[in-house]
């Protein structure tokens, strides 16, 4: 049974950087596309970025393009989210999730198709 655990969150000043990790256990992560999602207080959960099984296809929501980079190391069963130039509006709980079927590519819009979720890690960008 696949399980995901996020780490790497914290408090940074605006303009700072963090790298989130999503470590998998119980099943090889390379069977699945993986996405990062976030939820700020009082707001709906939104898709941030996703990566295909091979890592060659990635997608980003417009607000993070050019600042965030998703990558995966299938040998380490881990997916990363490098976040640079963080802004106060990036403050949220960040979740990683695995897509339910081995599709080609990845999609942020079909959040309900991600069926294994981590517990989340808090990211706060504030001075």
N, C-alpha and C. Protein backbone atom coordinates (compact mmCIF):
# COMPACT_ATOMS: atom_id res chain seq x y z
N UNK A 1 0.85 -1.18 0.00
CA UNK A 1 0.00 0.00 0.00
C UNK A 1 0.89 1.24 0.00
N UNK A 2 0.72 2.07 -1.03
CA UNK A 2 1.54 3.27 -1.15
C UNK A 2 1.21 4.27 -0.06
N UNK A 3 2.25 4.81 0.56
CA UNK A 3 2.10 5.89 1.53
C UNK A 3 3.07 7.01 1.17
N UNK A 4 2.64 8.26 1.40
CA UNK A 4 3.45 9.43 1.07
C UNK A 4 3.66 10.28 2.31
N UNK A 5 4.88 10.80 2.47
CA UNK A 5 5.19 11.68 3.59
C UNK A 5 5.93 12.91 3.06
N UNK A 6 5.37 14.09 3.33
CA UNK A 6 6.00 15.34 2.92
C UNK A 6 6.92 15.86 4.03
N UNK A 7 7.95 16.58 3.62
CA UNK A 7 8.84 17.26 4.57
C UNK A 7 9.46 18.46 3.88
N UNK A 8 10.10 19.32 4.68
CA UNK A 8 10.81 20.46 4.12
C UNK A 8 10.12 21.80 4.26
N UNK A 9 8.92 21.79 4.80
CA UNK A 9 8.24 23.06 5.00
C UNK A 9 8.87 23.88 6.10
N UNK A 10 8.43 25.12 6.24
CA UNK A 10 8.97 25.98 7.28
C UNK A 10 8.58 27.42 7.08
N UNK A 11 9.23 28.28 7.86
CA UNK A 11 8.99 29.72 7.80
C UNK A 11 10.17 30.38 7.09
N UNK A 12 9.89 31.15 6.05
CA UNK A 12 10.94 31.88 5.34
C UNK A 12 10.47 33.30 5.09
N UNK A 13 11.41 34.19 4.89
CA UNK A 13 11.06 35.55 4.51
C UNK A 13 10.68 35.59 3.04
N UNK A 14 9.84 36.53 2.65
CA UNK A 14 9.54 36.68 1.22
C UNK A 14 10.84 36.82 0.42
N UNK A 15 10.87 36.13 -0.72
CA UNK A 15 12.08 36.07 -1.53
C UNK A 15 12.95 34.88 -1.23
N UNK A 16 12.66 34.17 -0.15
CA UNK A 16 13.45 33.02 0.23
C UNK A 16 13.07 31.76 -0.53
N UNK A 17 13.76 30.66 -0.18
CA UNK A 17 13.56 29.39 -0.88
C UNK A 17 13.35 28.25 0.11
N UNK A 18 12.63 27.25 -0.36
CA UNK A 18 12.46 26.00 0.36
C UNK A 18 12.41 24.87 -0.66
N UNK A 19 12.81 23.68 -0.24
CA UNK A 19 12.65 22.48 -1.07
C UNK A 19 11.81 21.47 -0.30
N UNK A 20 10.67 21.16 -0.86
CA UNK A 20 9.80 20.15 -0.27
C UNK A 20 10.15 18.78 -0.85
N UNK A 21 10.02 17.77 -0.01
CA UNK A 21 10.23 16.39 -0.44
C UNK A 21 8.98 15.58 -0.19
N UNK A 22 8.72 14.65 -1.06
CA UNK A 22 7.59 13.73 -0.92
C UNK A 22 8.18 12.33 -1.04
N UNK A 23 8.31 11.65 0.09
CA UNK A 23 8.92 10.33 0.13
C UNK A 23 7.85 9.25 0.15
N UNK A 24 8.03 8.25 -0.69
CA UNK A 24 7.06 7.17 -0.80
C UNK A 24 7.56 5.91 -0.11
N UNK A 25 6.62 5.13 0.40
CA UNK A 25 6.93 3.82 0.95
C UNK A 25 5.78 2.89 0.63
N UNK A 26 6.06 1.59 0.67
CA UNK A 26 5.03 0.60 0.46
C UNK A 26 4.82 0.19 -0.98
N UNK A 27 5.29 1.04 -1.92
CA UNK A 27 5.13 0.74 -3.33
C UNK A 27 6.07 1.66 -4.11
N UNK A 28 6.62 1.21 -5.24
CA UNK A 28 7.48 2.09 -6.02
C UNK A 28 6.71 3.30 -6.55
N UNK A 29 7.27 4.48 -6.34
CA UNK A 29 6.59 5.70 -6.77
C UNK A 29 6.61 5.86 -8.28
N UNK A 30 7.53 5.16 -8.95
CA UNK A 30 7.66 5.35 -10.39
C UNK A 30 6.49 4.76 -11.18
N UNK A 31 5.54 4.15 -10.51
CA UNK A 31 4.33 3.69 -11.19
C UNK A 31 3.33 4.83 -11.41
N UNK A 32 3.55 5.97 -10.74
CA UNK A 32 2.51 6.98 -10.67
C UNK A 32 2.98 8.37 -11.08
N UNK A 33 2.14 9.13 -11.79
CA UNK A 33 2.34 10.58 -11.84
C UNK A 33 2.11 11.13 -10.43
N UNK A 34 2.79 12.22 -10.10
CA UNK A 34 2.68 12.80 -8.76
C UNK A 34 2.43 14.29 -8.88
N UNK A 35 1.57 14.79 -8.01
CA UNK A 35 1.28 16.22 -7.99
C UNK A 35 1.53 16.82 -6.63
N UNK A 36 1.78 18.13 -6.65
CA UNK A 36 1.83 18.94 -5.43
C UNK A 36 0.61 19.86 -5.43
N UNK A 37 -0.04 19.94 -4.30
CA UNK A 37 -1.21 20.76 -4.11
C UNK A 37 -1.02 21.60 -2.86
N UNK A 38 -1.80 22.67 -2.73
CA UNK A 38 -1.70 23.49 -1.52
C UNK A 38 -3.09 24.01 -1.14
N UNK A 39 -3.21 24.27 0.15
CA UNK A 39 -4.46 24.81 0.66
C UNK A 39 -4.15 25.88 1.70
N UNK A 40 -4.58 27.09 1.40
CA UNK A 40 -4.42 28.21 2.33
C UNK A 40 -5.67 28.31 3.19
N UNK A 41 -5.56 28.93 4.37
CA UNK A 41 -6.72 29.06 5.25
C UNK A 41 -7.88 29.75 4.54
N UNK A 42 -9.05 29.14 4.62
CA UNK A 42 -10.24 29.73 4.03
C UNK A 42 -10.35 29.59 2.53
N UNK A 43 -9.42 28.88 1.90
CA UNK A 43 -9.43 28.73 0.46
C UNK A 43 -9.52 27.26 0.08
N UNK A 44 -9.93 27.01 -1.16
CA UNK A 44 -9.98 25.65 -1.65
C UNK A 44 -8.58 25.14 -1.98
N UNK A 45 -8.43 23.83 -1.94
CA UNK A 45 -7.16 23.23 -2.33
C UNK A 45 -6.95 23.44 -3.83
N UNK A 46 -5.72 23.78 -4.21
CA UNK A 46 -5.42 24.02 -5.62
C UNK A 46 -4.18 23.25 -6.05
N UNK A 47 -4.14 22.93 -7.33
CA UNK A 47 -2.98 22.26 -7.88
C UNK A 47 -1.83 23.22 -8.10
N UNK A 48 -0.63 22.82 -7.75
CA UNK A 48 0.56 23.65 -7.89
C UNK A 48 1.43 23.16 -9.04
N UNK A 49 1.73 21.87 -9.03
CA UNK A 49 2.61 21.31 -10.05
C UNK A 49 2.44 19.81 -10.09
N UNK A 50 2.77 19.21 -11.23
CA UNK A 50 2.73 17.75 -11.33
C UNK A 50 3.82 17.28 -12.27
N UNK A 51 4.18 15.99 -12.11
CA UNK A 51 5.20 15.39 -12.95
C UNK A 51 4.73 14.03 -13.43
N UNK A 52 5.07 13.71 -14.66
CA UNK A 52 4.70 12.41 -15.21
C UNK A 52 5.55 11.31 -14.60
N UNK A 53 5.23 10.08 -14.94
CA UNK A 53 5.95 8.93 -14.40
C UNK A 53 7.45 9.03 -14.68
N UNK A 54 7.80 9.44 -15.88
CA UNK A 54 9.21 9.52 -16.25
C UNK A 54 9.87 10.81 -15.78
N UNK A 55 9.04 11.80 -15.46
CA UNK A 55 9.58 13.11 -15.09
C UNK A 55 9.80 14.04 -16.26
N UNK A 56 9.53 13.57 -17.47
CA UNK A 56 9.80 14.38 -18.65
C UNK A 56 8.68 15.37 -18.96
N UNK A 57 7.51 15.15 -18.40
CA UNK A 57 6.38 16.06 -18.58
C UNK A 57 6.03 16.66 -17.23
N UNK A 58 6.00 17.99 -17.17
CA UNK A 58 5.66 18.69 -15.94
C UNK A 58 4.66 19.80 -16.26
N UNK A 59 3.84 20.13 -15.29
CA UNK A 59 2.89 21.22 -15.41
C UNK A 59 2.91 22.06 -14.15
N UNK A 60 2.61 23.35 -14.31
CA UNK A 60 2.60 24.28 -13.19
C UNK A 60 1.39 25.19 -13.30
N UNK A 61 0.86 25.57 -12.16
CA UNK A 61 -0.15 26.61 -12.17
C UNK A 61 0.54 27.93 -12.48
N UNK A 62 -0.19 28.85 -13.11
CA UNK A 62 0.42 30.08 -13.61
C UNK A 62 1.15 30.87 -12.53
N UNK A 63 0.63 30.89 -11.33
CA UNK A 63 1.18 31.75 -10.29
C UNK A 63 2.57 31.32 -9.82
N UNK A 64 3.00 30.10 -10.14
CA UNK A 64 4.31 29.62 -9.67
C UNK A 64 5.29 29.39 -10.81
N UNK A 65 4.85 29.56 -12.04
CA UNK A 65 5.74 29.35 -13.18
C UNK A 65 6.95 30.27 -13.09
N UNK A 66 8.12 29.70 -13.32
CA UNK A 66 9.36 30.46 -13.24
C UNK A 66 9.93 30.56 -11.84
N UNK A 67 9.18 30.14 -10.83
CA UNK A 67 9.67 30.18 -9.44
C UNK A 67 9.79 28.80 -8.82
N UNK A 68 8.89 27.89 -9.18
CA UNK A 68 8.88 26.54 -8.61
C UNK A 68 9.34 25.54 -9.66
N UNK A 69 10.03 24.50 -9.20
CA UNK A 69 10.46 23.42 -10.09
C UNK A 69 10.17 22.08 -9.44
N UNK A 70 9.45 21.23 -10.16
CA UNK A 70 9.18 19.88 -9.66
C UNK A 70 10.17 18.92 -10.30
N UNK A 71 10.60 17.94 -9.53
CA UNK A 71 11.50 16.92 -10.05
C UNK A 71 11.25 15.62 -9.30
N UNK A 72 11.75 14.54 -9.85
CA UNK A 72 11.57 13.26 -9.16
C UNK A 72 12.83 12.43 -9.31
N UNK A 73 13.13 11.66 -8.27
CA UNK A 73 14.23 10.72 -8.27
C UNK A 73 13.61 9.36 -7.97
N UNK A 74 13.33 8.62 -9.02
CA UNK A 74 12.63 7.35 -8.84
C UNK A 74 13.50 6.33 -8.10
N UNK A 75 14.80 6.46 -8.20
CA UNK A 75 15.68 5.55 -7.45
C UNK A 75 15.55 5.77 -5.95
N UNK A 76 15.24 7.01 -5.56
CA UNK A 76 15.06 7.33 -4.14
C UNK A 76 13.59 7.34 -3.74
N UNK A 77 12.70 7.02 -4.72
CA UNK A 77 11.27 6.98 -4.41
C UNK A 77 10.77 8.31 -3.86
N UNK A 78 11.28 9.41 -4.43
CA UNK A 78 11.00 10.73 -3.88
C UNK A 78 10.72 11.74 -5.00
N UNK A 79 9.77 12.63 -4.73
CA UNK A 79 9.48 13.75 -5.62
C UNK A 79 9.75 15.04 -4.84
N UNK A 80 10.31 16.02 -5.53
CA UNK A 80 10.70 17.27 -4.89
C UNK A 80 9.94 18.45 -5.49
N UNK A 81 9.83 19.50 -4.70
CA UNK A 81 9.32 20.77 -5.20
C UNK A 81 10.26 21.86 -4.69
N UNK A 82 11.08 22.38 -5.60
CA UNK A 82 11.97 23.50 -5.27
C UNK A 82 11.19 24.79 -5.44
N UNK A 83 11.12 25.57 -4.39
CA UNK A 83 10.34 26.81 -4.39
C UNK A 83 11.28 27.98 -4.14
N UNK A 84 11.42 28.83 -5.13
CA UNK A 84 12.27 30.01 -5.03
C UNK A 84 11.42 31.27 -5.07
N UNK A 85 12.00 32.37 -4.60
CA UNK A 85 11.31 33.67 -4.60
C UNK A 85 9.91 33.54 -4.00
N UNK A 86 9.84 32.95 -2.84
CA UNK A 86 8.54 32.73 -2.21
C UNK A 86 7.86 34.05 -1.88
N UNK A 87 6.55 34.05 -2.03
CA UNK A 87 5.74 35.23 -1.77
C UNK A 87 4.76 34.93 -0.64
N UNK A 88 4.27 35.96 0.05
CA UNK A 88 3.29 35.71 1.12
C UNK A 88 2.08 34.91 0.63
N UNK A 89 1.69 35.09 -0.61
CA UNK A 89 0.53 34.34 -1.12
C UNK A 89 0.83 32.88 -1.38
N UNK A 90 2.08 32.45 -1.24
CA UNK A 90 2.41 31.02 -1.33
C UNK A 90 2.18 30.30 -0.01
N UNK A 91 1.89 31.06 1.04
CA UNK A 91 1.67 30.46 2.36
C UNK A 91 0.48 29.52 2.32
N UNK A 92 0.71 28.28 2.72
CA UNK A 92 -0.33 27.24 2.66
C UNK A 92 0.23 25.94 3.23
N UNK A 93 -0.65 24.99 3.43
CA UNK A 93 -0.22 23.61 3.67
C UNK A 93 -0.06 22.96 2.30
N UNK A 94 1.11 22.35 2.07
CA UNK A 94 1.42 21.72 0.80
C UNK A 94 1.31 20.20 0.95
N UNK A 95 0.63 19.61 -0.02
CA UNK A 95 0.40 18.17 -0.04
C UNK A 95 0.97 17.57 -1.33
N UNK A 96 1.52 16.38 -1.24
CA UNK A 96 1.81 15.63 -2.45
C UNK A 96 0.79 14.50 -2.57
N UNK A 97 0.57 14.09 -3.80
CA UNK A 97 -0.43 13.05 -4.04
C UNK A 97 -0.04 12.26 -5.28
N UNK A 98 -0.39 10.99 -5.27
CA UNK A 98 -0.11 10.10 -6.40
C UNK A 98 -1.38 9.86 -7.21
N UNK A 99 -1.21 9.91 -8.54
CA UNK A 99 -2.34 9.69 -9.43
C UNK A 99 -2.73 8.22 -9.40
N UNK A 100 -4.02 7.94 -9.56
CA UNK A 100 -4.52 6.59 -9.37
C UNK A 100 -4.20 5.59 -10.46
N UNK A 101 -3.87 6.08 -11.67
CA UNK A 101 -3.60 5.18 -12.78
C UNK A 101 -2.33 5.62 -13.50
N UNK A 102 -1.64 4.69 -14.16
CA UNK A 102 -0.36 5.03 -14.82
C UNK A 102 -0.57 5.69 -16.18
N UNK A 103 -1.01 6.93 -16.19
CA UNK A 103 -1.27 7.64 -17.44
C UNK A 103 0.01 8.22 -18.02
N UNK A 104 -0.05 8.62 -19.28
CA UNK A 104 1.02 9.39 -19.89
C UNK A 104 0.78 10.85 -19.55
N UNK A 105 1.80 11.53 -19.07
CA UNK A 105 1.63 12.92 -18.71
C UNK A 105 1.14 13.09 -17.29
N UNK A 106 0.65 14.31 -16.99
CA UNK A 106 0.07 14.56 -15.68
C UNK A 106 -0.90 15.71 -15.80
N UNK A 107 -1.86 15.76 -14.88
CA UNK A 107 -2.92 16.75 -14.97
C UNK A 107 -3.21 17.30 -13.58
N UNK A 108 -3.26 18.61 -13.45
CA UNK A 108 -3.58 19.24 -12.17
C UNK A 108 -5.08 19.41 -11.99
N UNK A 109 -5.81 19.49 -13.07
CA UNK A 109 -7.24 19.80 -12.98
C UNK A 109 -8.05 18.65 -12.40
N UNK A 110 -7.58 17.41 -12.63
CA UNK A 110 -8.35 16.25 -12.17
C UNK A 110 -7.89 15.82 -10.78
N UNK A 111 -8.08 16.71 -9.80
CA UNK A 111 -7.61 16.46 -8.45
C UNK A 111 -8.21 15.21 -7.86
N UNK A 112 -9.45 14.90 -8.20
CA UNK A 112 -10.12 13.74 -7.63
C UNK A 112 -9.49 12.43 -8.09
N UNK A 113 -8.68 12.47 -9.15
CA UNK A 113 -8.02 11.26 -9.64
C UNK A 113 -6.74 10.94 -8.89
N UNK A 114 -6.31 11.85 -8.04
CA UNK A 114 -5.16 11.58 -7.16
C UNK A 114 -5.71 10.88 -5.91
N UNK A 115 -5.38 9.63 -5.72
CA UNK A 115 -6.07 8.88 -4.67
C UNK A 115 -5.20 8.48 -3.48
N UNK A 116 -3.93 8.88 -3.47
CA UNK A 116 -3.08 8.66 -2.30
C UNK A 116 -2.46 10.00 -1.94
N UNK A 117 -2.68 10.45 -0.70
CA UNK A 117 -2.24 11.79 -0.27
C UNK A 117 -1.35 11.68 0.96
N UNK A 118 -0.41 12.61 1.05
CA UNK A 118 0.37 12.74 2.26
C UNK A 118 -0.38 13.59 3.28
N UNK A 119 0.27 13.81 4.43
CA UNK A 119 -0.39 14.51 5.53
C UNK A 119 -0.22 16.03 5.43
N UNK A 120 0.69 16.48 4.57
CA UNK A 120 0.89 17.91 4.37
C UNK A 120 2.04 18.47 5.17
N UNK A 121 2.60 19.57 4.66
CA UNK A 121 3.66 20.29 5.36
C UNK A 121 3.39 21.78 5.21
N UNK A 122 3.56 22.53 6.30
CA UNK A 122 3.22 23.95 6.31
C UNK A 122 4.36 24.77 5.70
N UNK A 123 4.01 25.67 4.79
CA UNK A 123 4.95 26.63 4.22
C UNK A 123 4.42 28.03 4.53
N UNK A 124 5.27 28.85 5.15
CA UNK A 124 4.88 30.20 5.49
C UNK A 124 5.95 31.17 5.00
N UNK A 125 5.54 32.10 4.16
CA UNK A 125 6.44 33.15 3.67
C UNK A 125 5.98 34.46 4.29
N UNK A 126 6.72 34.94 5.25
CA UNK A 126 6.31 36.12 5.98
C UNK A 126 7.53 36.81 6.58
N UNK A 127 7.46 38.14 6.65
CA UNK A 127 8.53 38.89 7.30
C UNK A 127 8.18 39.18 8.75
